[in-house]
Amino acid sequence: QCARFCEHPTVKHTEAVHHIVRFLAGTREEGIILSPK
């Protein structure tokens, strides 16, 4: 959603990026761990 506005981002799009990064701040330790067996 945010990538669609790389050409002319506005404050609304900046706030959306802030929201994503705030989510990442709370979930730093999460992710996909691949363990082949």
ModelCIF file with pLDDT and N, C-alpha, C, O atoms, coordinates in Angstrom:
data_MODEL
#
_entry.id   MODEL 
#
_entity.id                         1 
_entity.type                       polymer 
_entity.pdbx_number_of_molecules   1 
#
_entity_poly.entity_id                      1 
_entity_poly.type                           'polypeptide(L)' 
_entity_poly.nstd_linkage                   no 
_entity_poly.nstd_monomer                   no 
_entity_poly.pdbx_seq_one_letter_code       QCARFCEHPTVKHTEAVHHIVRFLAGTREEGIILSPK 
_entity_poly.pdbx_seq_one_letter_code_can   QCARFCEHPTVKHTEAVHHIVRFLAGTREEGIILSPK 
_entity_poly.pdbx_strand_id                 A 
#
loop_
_entity_poly_seq.entity_id 
_entity_poly_seq.num 
_entity_poly_seq.mon_id 
_entity_poly_seq.hetero 
1 1  GLN n 
1 2  CYS n 
1 3  ALA n 
1 4  ARG n 
1 5  PHE n 
1 6  CYS n 
1 7  GLU n 
1 8  HIS n 
1 9  PRO n 
1 10 THR n 
1 11 VAL n 
1 12 LYS n 
1 13 HIS n 
1 14 THR n 
1 15 GLU n 
1 16 ALA n 
1 17 VAL n 
1 18 HIS n 
1 19 HIS n 
1 20 ILE n 
1 21 VAL n 
1 22 ARG n 
1 23 PHE n 
1 24 LEU n 
1 25 ALA n 
1 26 GLY n 
1 27 THR n 
1 28 ARG n 
1 29 GLU n 
1 30 GLU n 
1 31 GLY n 
1 32 ILE n 
1 33 ILE n 
1 34 LEU n 
1 35 SER n 
1 36 PRO n 
1 37 LYS n 
#
_struct_asym.id          A 
_struct_asym.entity_id   1 
#
loop_
_ma_qa_metric.id 
_ma_qa_metric.mode 
_ma_qa_metric.name 
_ma_qa_metric.software_group_id 
_ma_qa_metric.type 
1 global pLDDT . pLDDT 
2 local  pLDDT . pLDDT 
#
_ma_qa_metric_global.metric_id      1 
_ma_qa_metric_global.metric_value   89.16 
_ma_qa_metric_global.model_id       1 
_ma_qa_metric_global.ordinal_id     1 
#
loop_
_ma_qa_metric_local.label_asym_id 
_ma_qa_metric_local.label_comp_id 
_ma_qa_metric_local.label_seq_id 
_ma_qa_metric_local.metric_id 
_ma_qa_metric_local.metric_value 
_ma_qa_metric_local.model_id 
_ma_qa_metric_local.ordinal_id 
A GLN 1  2 94.00 1 1  
A CYS 2  2 95.00 1 2  
A ALA 3  2 96.00 1 3  
A ARG 4  2 94.00 1 4  
A PHE 5  2 94.00 1 5  
A CYS 6  2 94.00 1 6  
A GLU 7  2 91.00 1 7  
A HIS 8  2 92.00 1 8  
A PRO 9  2 95.00 1 9  
A THR 10 2 95.00 1 10 
A VAL 11 2 94.00 1 11 
A LYS 12 2 93.00 1 12 
A HIS 13 2 95.00 1 13 
A THR 14 2 95.00 1 14 
A GLU 15 2 95.00 1 15 
A ALA 16 2 95.00 1 16 
A VAL 17 2 96.00 1 17 
A HIS 18 2 95.00 1 18 
A HIS 19 2 96.00 1 19 
A ILE 20 2 96.00 1 20 
A VAL 21 2 96.00 1 21 
A ARG 22 2 95.00 1 22 
A PHE 23 2 95.00 1 23 
A LEU 24 2 94.00 1 24 
A ALA 25 2 93.00 1 25 
A GLY 26 2 92.00 1 26 
A THR 27 2 91.00 1 27 
A ARG 28 2 86.00 1 28 
A GLU 29 2 85.00 1 29 
A GLU 30 2 82.00 1 30 
A GLY 31 2 76.00 1 31 
A ILE 32 2 74.00 1 32 
A ILE 33 2 70.00 1 33 
A LEU 34 2 69.00 1 34 
A SER 35 2 70.00 1 35 
A PRO 36 2 69.00 1 36 
A LYS 37 2 72.00 1 37 
#
loop_
_atom_site.group_PDB 
_atom_site.id 
_atom_site.type_symbol 
_atom_site.label_atom_id 
_atom_site.label_alt_id 
_atom_site.label_comp_id 
_atom_site.label_asym_id 
_atom_site.label_entity_id 
_atom_site.label_seq_id 
_atom_site.pdbx_PDB_ins_code 
_atom_site.Cartn_x 
_atom_site.Cartn_y 
_atom_site.Cartn_z 
_atom_site.occupancy 
_atom_site.B_iso_or_equiv 
_atom_site.pdbx_formal_charge 
_atom_site.auth_seq_id 
_atom_site.auth_comp_id 
_atom_site.auth_asym_id 
_atom_site.auth_atom_id 
_atom_site.pdbx_PDB_model_num 
ATOM 1   N N  . GLN A 1 1  ? 0.828  -1.211  0.000  1.00 94.00 ? 1  GLN A N  1 
ATOM 2   C CA . GLN A 1 1  ? 0.000  0.000   0.000  1.00 94.00 ? 1  GLN A CA 1 
ATOM 3   C C  . GLN A 1 1  ? 0.858  1.253   0.000  1.00 94.00 ? 1  GLN A C  1 
ATOM 4   O O  . GLN A 1 1  ? 0.570  2.200   -0.733 1.00 94.00 ? 1  GLN A O  1 
ATOM 5   N N  . CYS A 1 2  ? 1.901  1.273   0.808  1.00 95.00 ? 2  CYS A N  1 
ATOM 6   C CA . CYS A 1 2  ? 2.792  2.435   0.883  1.00 95.00 ? 2  CYS A CA 1 
ATOM 7   C C  . CYS A 1 2  ? 3.662  2.559   -0.366 1.00 95.00 ? 2  CYS A C  1 
ATOM 8   O O  . CYS A 1 2  ? 3.947  3.669   -0.816 1.00 95.00 ? 2  CYS A O  1 
ATOM 9   N N  . ALA A 1 3  ? 4.079  1.436   -0.922 1.00 96.00 ? 3  ALA A N  1 
ATOM 10  C CA . ALA A 1 3  ? 4.969  1.442   -2.087 1.00 96.00 ? 3  ALA A CA 1 
ATOM 11  C C  . ALA A 1 3  ? 4.310  2.077   -3.303 1.00 96.00 ? 3  ALA A C  1 
ATOM 12  O O  . ALA A 1 3  ? 5.005  2.601   -4.174 1.00 96.00 ? 3  ALA A O  1 
ATOM 13  N N  . ARG A 1 4  ? 3.015  2.043   -3.378 1.00 94.00 ? 4  ARG A N  1 
ATOM 14  C CA . ARG A 1 4  ? 2.304  2.623   -4.522 1.00 94.00 ? 4  ARG A CA 1 
ATOM 15  C C  . ARG A 1 4  ? 2.504  4.135   -4.619 1.00 94.00 ? 4  ARG A C  1 
ATOM 16  O O  . ARG A 1 4  ? 2.223  4.732   -5.657 1.00 94.00 ? 4  ARG A O  1 
ATOM 17  N N  . PHE A 1 5  ? 2.986  4.752   -3.547 1.00 94.00 ? 5  PHE A N  1 
ATOM 18  C CA . PHE A 1 5  ? 3.091  6.210   -3.521 1.00 94.00 ? 5  PHE A CA 1 
ATOM 19  C C  . PHE A 1 5  ? 4.527  6.702   -3.380 1.00 94.00 ? 5  PHE A C  1 
ATOM 20  O O  . PHE A 1 5  ? 4.765  7.798   -2.873 1.00 94.00 ? 5  PHE A O  1 
ATOM 21  N N  . CYS A 1 6  ? 5.482  5.890   -3.829 1.00 94.00 ? 6  CYS A N  1 
ATOM 22  C CA . CYS A 1 6  ? 6.896  6.281   -3.749 1.00 94.00 ? 6  CYS A CA 1 
ATOM 23  C C  . CYS A 1 6  ? 7.194  7.526   -4.575 1.00 94.00 ? 6  CYS A C  1 
ATOM 24  O O  . CYS A 1 6  ? 8.090  8.297   -4.230 1.00 94.00 ? 6  CYS A O  1 
ATOM 25  N N  . GLU A 1 7  ? 6.462  7.728   -5.647 1.00 91.00 ? 7  GLU A N  1 
ATOM 26  C CA . GLU A 1 7  ? 6.721  8.864   -6.523 1.00 91.00 ? 7  GLU A CA 1 
ATOM 27  C C  . GLU A 1 7  ? 6.372  10.204  -5.862 1.00 91.00 ? 7  GLU A C  1 
ATOM 28  O O  . GLU A 1 7  ? 7.134  11.165  -5.965 1.00 91.00 ? 7  GLU A O  1 
ATOM 29  N N  . HIS A 1 8  ? 5.227  10.266  -5.188 1.00 92.00 ? 8  HIS A N  1 
ATOM 30  C CA . HIS A 1 8  ? 4.782  11.516  -4.547 1.00 92.00 ? 8  HIS A CA 1 
ATOM 31  C C  . HIS A 1 8  ? 4.141  11.216  -3.189 1.00 92.00 ? 8  HIS A C  1 
ATOM 32  O O  . HIS A 1 8  ? 2.926  11.348  -3.041 1.00 92.00 ? 8  HIS A O  1 
ATOM 33  N N  . PRO A 1 9  ? 4.943  10.815  -2.195 1.00 95.00 ? 9  PRO A N  1 
ATOM 34  C CA . PRO A 1 9  ? 4.355  10.510  -0.884 1.00 95.00 ? 9  PRO A CA 1 
ATOM 35  C C  . PRO A 1 9  ? 3.903  11.782  -0.163 1.00 95.00 ? 9  PRO A C  1 
ATOM 36  O O  . PRO A 1 9  ? 4.504  12.847  -0.306 1.00 95.00 ? 9  PRO A O  1 
ATOM 37  N N  . THR A 1 10 ? 2.839  11.639  0.608  1.00 95.00 ? 10 THR A N  1 
ATOM 38  C CA . THR A 1 10 ? 2.344  12.751  1.419  1.00 95.00 ? 10 THR A CA 1 
ATOM 39  C C  . THR A 1 10 ? 2.435  12.376  2.894  1.00 95.00 ? 10 THR A C  1 
ATOM 40  O O  . THR A 1 10 ? 2.875  11.280  3.241  1.00 95.00 ? 10 THR A O  1 
ATOM 41  N N  . VAL A 1 11 ? 2.023  13.276  3.735  1.00 94.00 ? 11 VAL A N  1 
ATOM 42  C CA . VAL A 1 11 ? 2.055  13.037  5.183  1.00 94.00 ? 11 VAL A CA 1 
ATOM 43  C C  . VAL A 1 11 ? 1.229  11.803  5.541  1.00 94.00 ? 11 VAL A C  1 
ATOM 44  O O  . VAL A 1 11 ? 1.601  11.047  6.439  1.00 94.00 ? 11 VAL A O  1 
ATOM 45  N N  . LYS A 1 12 ? 0.116  11.599  4.847  1.00 93.00 ? 12 LYS A N  1 
ATOM 46  C CA . LYS A 1 12 ? -0.732 10.427  5.105  1.00 93.00 ? 12 LYS A CA 1 
ATOM 47  C C  . LYS A 1 12 ? 0.044  9.136   4.864  1.00 93.00 ? 12 LYS A C  1 
ATOM 48  O O  . LYS A 1 12 ? -0.096 8.175   5.620  1.00 93.00 ? 12 LYS A O  1 
ATOM 49  N N  . HIS A 1 13 ? 0.858  9.112   3.819  1.00 95.00 ? 13 HIS A N  1 
ATOM 50  C CA . HIS A 1 13 ? 1.648  7.924   3.499  1.00 95.00 ? 13 HIS A CA 1 
ATOM 51  C C  . HIS A 1 13 ? 2.803  7.763   4.491  1.00 95.00 ? 13 HIS A C  1 
ATOM 52  O O  . HIS A 1 13 ? 3.158  6.646   4.870  1.00 95.00 ? 13 HIS A O  1 
ATOM 53  N N  . THR A 1 14 ? 3.376  8.881   4.901  1.00 95.00 ? 14 THR A N  1 
ATOM 54  C CA . THR A 1 14 ? 4.429  8.858   5.917  1.00 95.00 ? 14 THR A CA 1 
ATOM 55  C C  . THR A 1 14 ? 3.899  8.267   7.216  1.00 95.00 ? 14 THR A C  1 
ATOM 56  O O  . THR A 1 14 ? 4.582  7.474   7.863  1.00 95.00 ? 14 THR A O  1 
ATOM 57  N N  . GLU A 1 15 ? 2.694  8.647   7.597  1.00 95.00 ? 15 GLU A N  1 
ATOM 58  C CA . GLU A 1 15 ? 2.083  8.114   8.818  1.00 95.00 ? 15 GLU A CA 1 
ATOM 59  C C  . GLU A 1 15 ? 1.854  6.612   8.714  1.00 95.00 ? 15 GLU A C  1 
ATOM 60  O O  . GLU A 1 15 ? 1.979  5.895   9.707  1.00 95.00 ? 15 GLU A O  1 
ATOM 61  N N  . ALA A 1 16 ? 1.520  6.131   7.522  1.00 95.00 ? 16 ALA A N  1 
ATOM 62  C CA . ALA A 1 16 ? 1.340  4.689   7.323  1.00 95.00 ? 16 ALA A CA 1 
ATOM 63  C C  . ALA A 1 16 ? 2.659  3.945   7.509  1.00 95.00 ? 16 ALA A C  1 
ATOM 64  O O  . ALA A 1 16 ? 2.681  2.857   8.084  1.00 95.00 ? 16 ALA A O  1 
ATOM 65  N N  . VAL A 1 17 ? 3.757  4.522   7.026  1.00 96.00 ? 17 VAL A N  1 
ATOM 66  C CA . VAL A 1 17 ? 5.082  3.911   7.221  1.00 96.00 ? 17 VAL A CA 1 
ATOM 67  C C  . VAL A 1 17 ? 5.421  3.918   8.712  1.00 96.00 ? 17 VAL A C  1 
ATOM 68  O O  . VAL A 1 17 ? 5.951  2.934   9.228  1.00 96.00 ? 17 VAL A O  1 
ATOM 69  N N  . HIS A 1 18 ? 5.125  5.006   9.400  1.00 95.00 ? 18 HIS A N  1 
ATOM 70  C CA . HIS A 1 18 ? 5.352  5.063   10.851 1.00 95.00 ? 18 HIS A CA 1 
ATOM 71  C C  . HIS A 1 18 ? 4.592  3.937   11.553 1.00 95.00 ? 18 HIS A C  1 
ATOM 72  O O  . HIS A 1 18 ? 5.117  3.317   12.478 1.00 95.00 ? 18 HIS A O  1 
ATOM 73  N N  . HIS A 1 19 ? 3.367  3.676   11.120 1.00 96.00 ? 19 HIS A N  1 
ATOM 74  C CA . HIS A 1 19 ? 2.560  2.618   11.736 1.00 96.00 ? 19 HIS A CA 1 
ATOM 75  C C  . HIS A 1 19 ? 3.237  1.253   11.551 1.00 96.00 ? 19 HIS A C  1 
ATOM 76  O O  . HIS A 1 19 ? 3.308  0.459   12.489 1.00 96.00 ? 19 HIS A O  1 
ATOM 77  N N  . ILE A 1 20 ? 3.728  0.990   10.344 1.00 96.00 ? 20 ILE A N  1 
ATOM 78  C CA . ILE A 1 20 ? 4.415  -0.279  10.076 1.00 96.00 ? 20 ILE A CA 1 
ATOM 79  C C  . ILE A 1 20 ? 5.630  -0.427  10.989 1.00 96.00 ? 20 ILE A C  1 
ATOM 80  O O  . ILE A 1 20 ? 5.850  -1.486  11.575 1.00 96.00 ? 20 ILE A O  1 
ATOM 81  N N  . VAL A 1 21 ? 6.406  0.632   11.102 1.00 96.00 ? 21 VAL A N  1 
ATOM 82  C CA . VAL A 1 21 ? 7.637  0.564   11.897 1.00 96.00 ? 21 VAL A CA 1 
ATOM 83  C C  . VAL A 1 21 ? 7.314  0.442   13.385 1.00 96.00 ? 21 VAL A C  1 
ATOM 84  O O  . VAL A 1 21 ? 8.057  -0.210  14.120 1.00 96.00 ? 21 VAL A O  1 
ATOM 85  N N  . ARG A 1 22 ? 6.245  1.043   13.835 1.00 95.00 ? 22 ARG A N  1 
ATOM 86  C CA . ARG A 1 22 ? 5.828  0.852   15.234 1.00 95.00 ? 22 ARG A CA 1 
ATOM 87  C C  . ARG A 1 22 ? 5.418  -0.597  15.487 1.00 95.00 ? 22 ARG A C  1 
ATOM 88  O O  . ARG A 1 22 ? 5.656  -1.133  16.569 1.00 95.00 ? 22 ARG A O  1 
ATOM 89  N N  . PHE A 1 23 ? 4.805  -1.229  14.488 1.00 95.00 ? 23 PHE A N  1 
ATOM 90  C CA . PHE A 1 23 ? 4.484  -2.645  14.593 1.00 95.00 ? 23 PHE A CA 1 
ATOM 91  C C  . PHE A 1 23 ? 5.767  -3.466  14.708 1.00 95.00 ? 23 PHE A C  1 
ATOM 92  O O  . PHE A 1 23 ? 5.857  -4.379  15.529 1.00 95.00 ? 23 PHE A O  1 
ATOM 93  N N  . LEU A 1 24 ? 6.753  -3.136  13.881 1.00 94.00 ? 24 LEU A N  1 
ATOM 94  C CA . LEU A 1 24 ? 8.033  -3.847  13.935 1.00 94.00 ? 24 LEU A CA 1 
ATOM 95  C C  . LEU A 1 24 ? 8.734  -3.650  15.272 1.00 94.00 ? 24 LEU A C  1 
ATOM 96  O O  . LEU A 1 24 ? 9.388  -4.566  15.772 1.00 94.00 ? 24 LEU A O  1 
ATOM 97  N N  . ALA A 1 25 ? 8.603  -2.467  15.849 1.00 93.00 ? 25 ALA A N  1 
ATOM 98  C CA . ALA A 1 25 ? 9.237  -2.193  17.146 1.00 93.00 ? 25 ALA A CA 1 
ATOM 99  C C  . ALA A 1 25 ? 8.694  -3.129  18.224 1.00 93.00 ? 25 ALA A C  1 
ATOM 100 O O  . ALA A 1 25 ? 9.424  -3.522  19.134 1.00 93.00 ? 25 ALA A O  1 
ATOM 101 N N  . GLY A 1 26 ? 7.434  -3.479  18.122 1.00 92.00 ? 26 GLY A N  1 
ATOM 102 C CA . GLY A 1 26 ? 6.828  -4.366  19.111 1.00 92.00 ? 26 GLY A CA 1 
ATOM 103 C C  . GLY A 1 26 ? 6.987  -5.836  18.809 1.00 92.00 ? 26 GLY A C  1 
ATOM 104 O O  . GLY A 1 26 ? 6.696  -6.679  19.657 1.00 92.00 ? 26 GLY A O  1 
ATOM 105 N N  . THR A 1 27 ? 7.449  -6.162  17.602 1.00 91.00 ? 27 THR A N  1 
ATOM 106 C CA . THR A 1 27 ? 7.564  -7.575  17.202 1.00 91.00 ? 27 THR A CA 1 
ATOM 107 C C  . THR A 1 27 ? 8.955  -7.889  16.663 1.00 91.00 ? 27 THR A C  1 
ATOM 108 O O  . THR A 1 27 ? 9.104  -8.725  15.772 1.00 91.00 ? 27 THR A O  1 
ATOM 109 N N  . ARG A 1 28 ? 9.961  -7.227  17.197 1.00 86.00 ? 28 ARG A N  1 
ATOM 110 C CA . ARG A 1 28 ? 11.353 -7.424  16.733 1.00 86.00 ? 28 ARG A CA 1 
ATOM 111 C C  . ARG A 1 28 ? 11.777 -8.884  16.688 1.00 86.00 ? 28 ARG A C  1 
ATOM 112 O O  . ARG A 1 28 ? 12.456 -9.312  15.755 1.00 86.00 ? 28 ARG A O  1 
ATOM 113 N N  . GLU A 1 29 ? 11.381 -9.630  17.678 1.00 85.00 ? 29 GLU A N  1 
ATOM 114 C CA . GLU A 1 29 ? 11.865 -11.002 17.837 1.00 85.00 ? 29 GLU A CA 1 
ATOM 115 C C  . GLU A 1 29 ? 11.062 -12.019 17.035 1.00 85.00 ? 29 GLU A C  1 
ATOM 116 O O  . GLU A 1 29 ? 11.360 -13.213 17.087 1.00 85.00 ? 29 GLU A O  1 
ATOM 117 N N  . GLU A 1 30 ? 10.058 -11.574 16.300 1.00 82.00 ? 30 GLU A N  1 
ATOM 118 C CA . GLU A 1 30 ? 9.242  -12.500 15.524 1.00 82.00 ? 30 GLU A CA 1 
ATOM 119 C C  . GLU A 1 30 ? 9.757  -12.587 14.097 1.00 82.00 ? 30 GLU A C  1 
ATOM 120 O O  . GLU A 1 30 ? 10.502 -11.718 13.645 1.00 82.00 ? 30 GLU A O  1 
ATOM 121 N N  . GLY A 1 31 ? 9.360  -13.634 13.392 1.00 76.00 ? 31 GLY A N  1 
ATOM 122 C CA . GLY A 1 31 ? 9.758  -13.812 12.004 1.00 76.00 ? 31 GLY A CA 1 
ATOM 123 C C  . GLY A 1 31 ? 9.635  -15.265 11.605 1.00 76.00 ? 31 GLY A C  1 
ATOM 124 O O  . GLY A 1 31 ? 9.156  -16.094 12.378 1.00 76.00 ? 31 GLY A O  1 
ATOM 125 N N  . ILE A 1 32 ? 10.062 -15.564 10.417 1.00 74.00 ? 32 ILE A N  1 
ATOM 126 C CA . ILE A 1 32 ? 10.010 -16.929 9.909  1.00 74.00 ? 32 ILE A CA 1 
ATOM 127 C C  . ILE A 1 32 ? 11.386 -17.543 10.085 1.00 74.00 ? 32 ILE A C  1 
ATOM 128 O O  . ILE A 1 32 ? 12.393 -16.976 9.661  1.00 74.00 ? 32 ILE A O  1 
ATOM 129 N N  . ILE A 1 33 ? 11.417 -18.699 10.712 1.00 70.00 ? 33 ILE A N  1 
ATOM 130 C CA . ILE A 1 33 ? 12.666 -19.435 10.876 1.00 70.00 ? 33 ILE A CA 1 
ATOM 131 C C  . ILE A 1 33 ? 12.507 -20.748 10.120 1.00 70.00 ? 33 ILE A C  1 
ATOM 132 O O  . ILE A 1 33 ? 11.636 -21.556 10.442 1.00 70.00 ? 33 ILE A O  1 
ATOM 133 N N  . LEU A 1 34 ? 13.343 -20.954 9.126  1.00 69.00 ? 34 LEU A N  1 
ATOM 134 C CA . LEU A 1 34 ? 13.287 -22.179 8.347  1.00 69.00 ? 34 LEU A CA 1 
ATOM 135 C C  . LEU A 1 34 ? 14.278 -23.179 8.909  1.00 69.00 ? 34 LEU A C  1 
ATOM 136 O O  . LEU A 1 34 ? 15.465 -22.887 9.047  1.00 69.00 ? 34 LEU A O  1 
ATOM 137 N N  . SER A 1 35 ? 13.773 -24.371 9.234  1.00 70.00 ? 35 SER A N  1 
ATOM 138 C CA . SER A 1 35 ? 14.604 -25.439 9.789  1.00 70.00 ? 35 SER A CA 1 
ATOM 139 C C  . SER A 1 35 ? 14.431 -26.697 8.937  1.00 70.00 ? 35 SER A C  1 
ATOM 140 O O  . SER A 1 35 ? 13.537 -27.501 9.203  1.00 70.00 ? 35 SER A O  1 
ATOM 141 N N  . PRO A 1 36 ? 15.268 -26.875 7.925  1.00 69.00 ? 36 PRO A N  1 
ATOM 142 C CA . PRO A 1 36 ? 15.102 -28.062 7.084  1.00 69.00 ? 36 PRO A CA 1 
ATOM 143 C C  . PRO A 1 36 ? 15.458 -29.339 7.833  1.00 69.00 ? 36 PRO A C  1 
ATOM 144 O O  . PRO A 1 36 ? 16.488 -29.418 8.502  1.00 69.00 ? 36 PRO A O  1 
ATOM 145 N N  . LYS A 1 37 ? 14.586 -30.338 7.709  1.00 72.00 ? 37 LYS A N  1 
ATOM 146 C CA . LYS A 1 37 ? 14.817 -31.658 8.313  1.00 72.00 ? 37 LYS A CA 1 
ATOM 147 C C  . LYS A 1 37 ? 14.373 -32.723 7.316  1.00 72.00 ? 37 LYS A C  1 
ATOM 148 O O  . LYS A 1 37 ? 14.472 -33.916 7.603  1.00 72.00 ? 37 LYS A O  1 
#
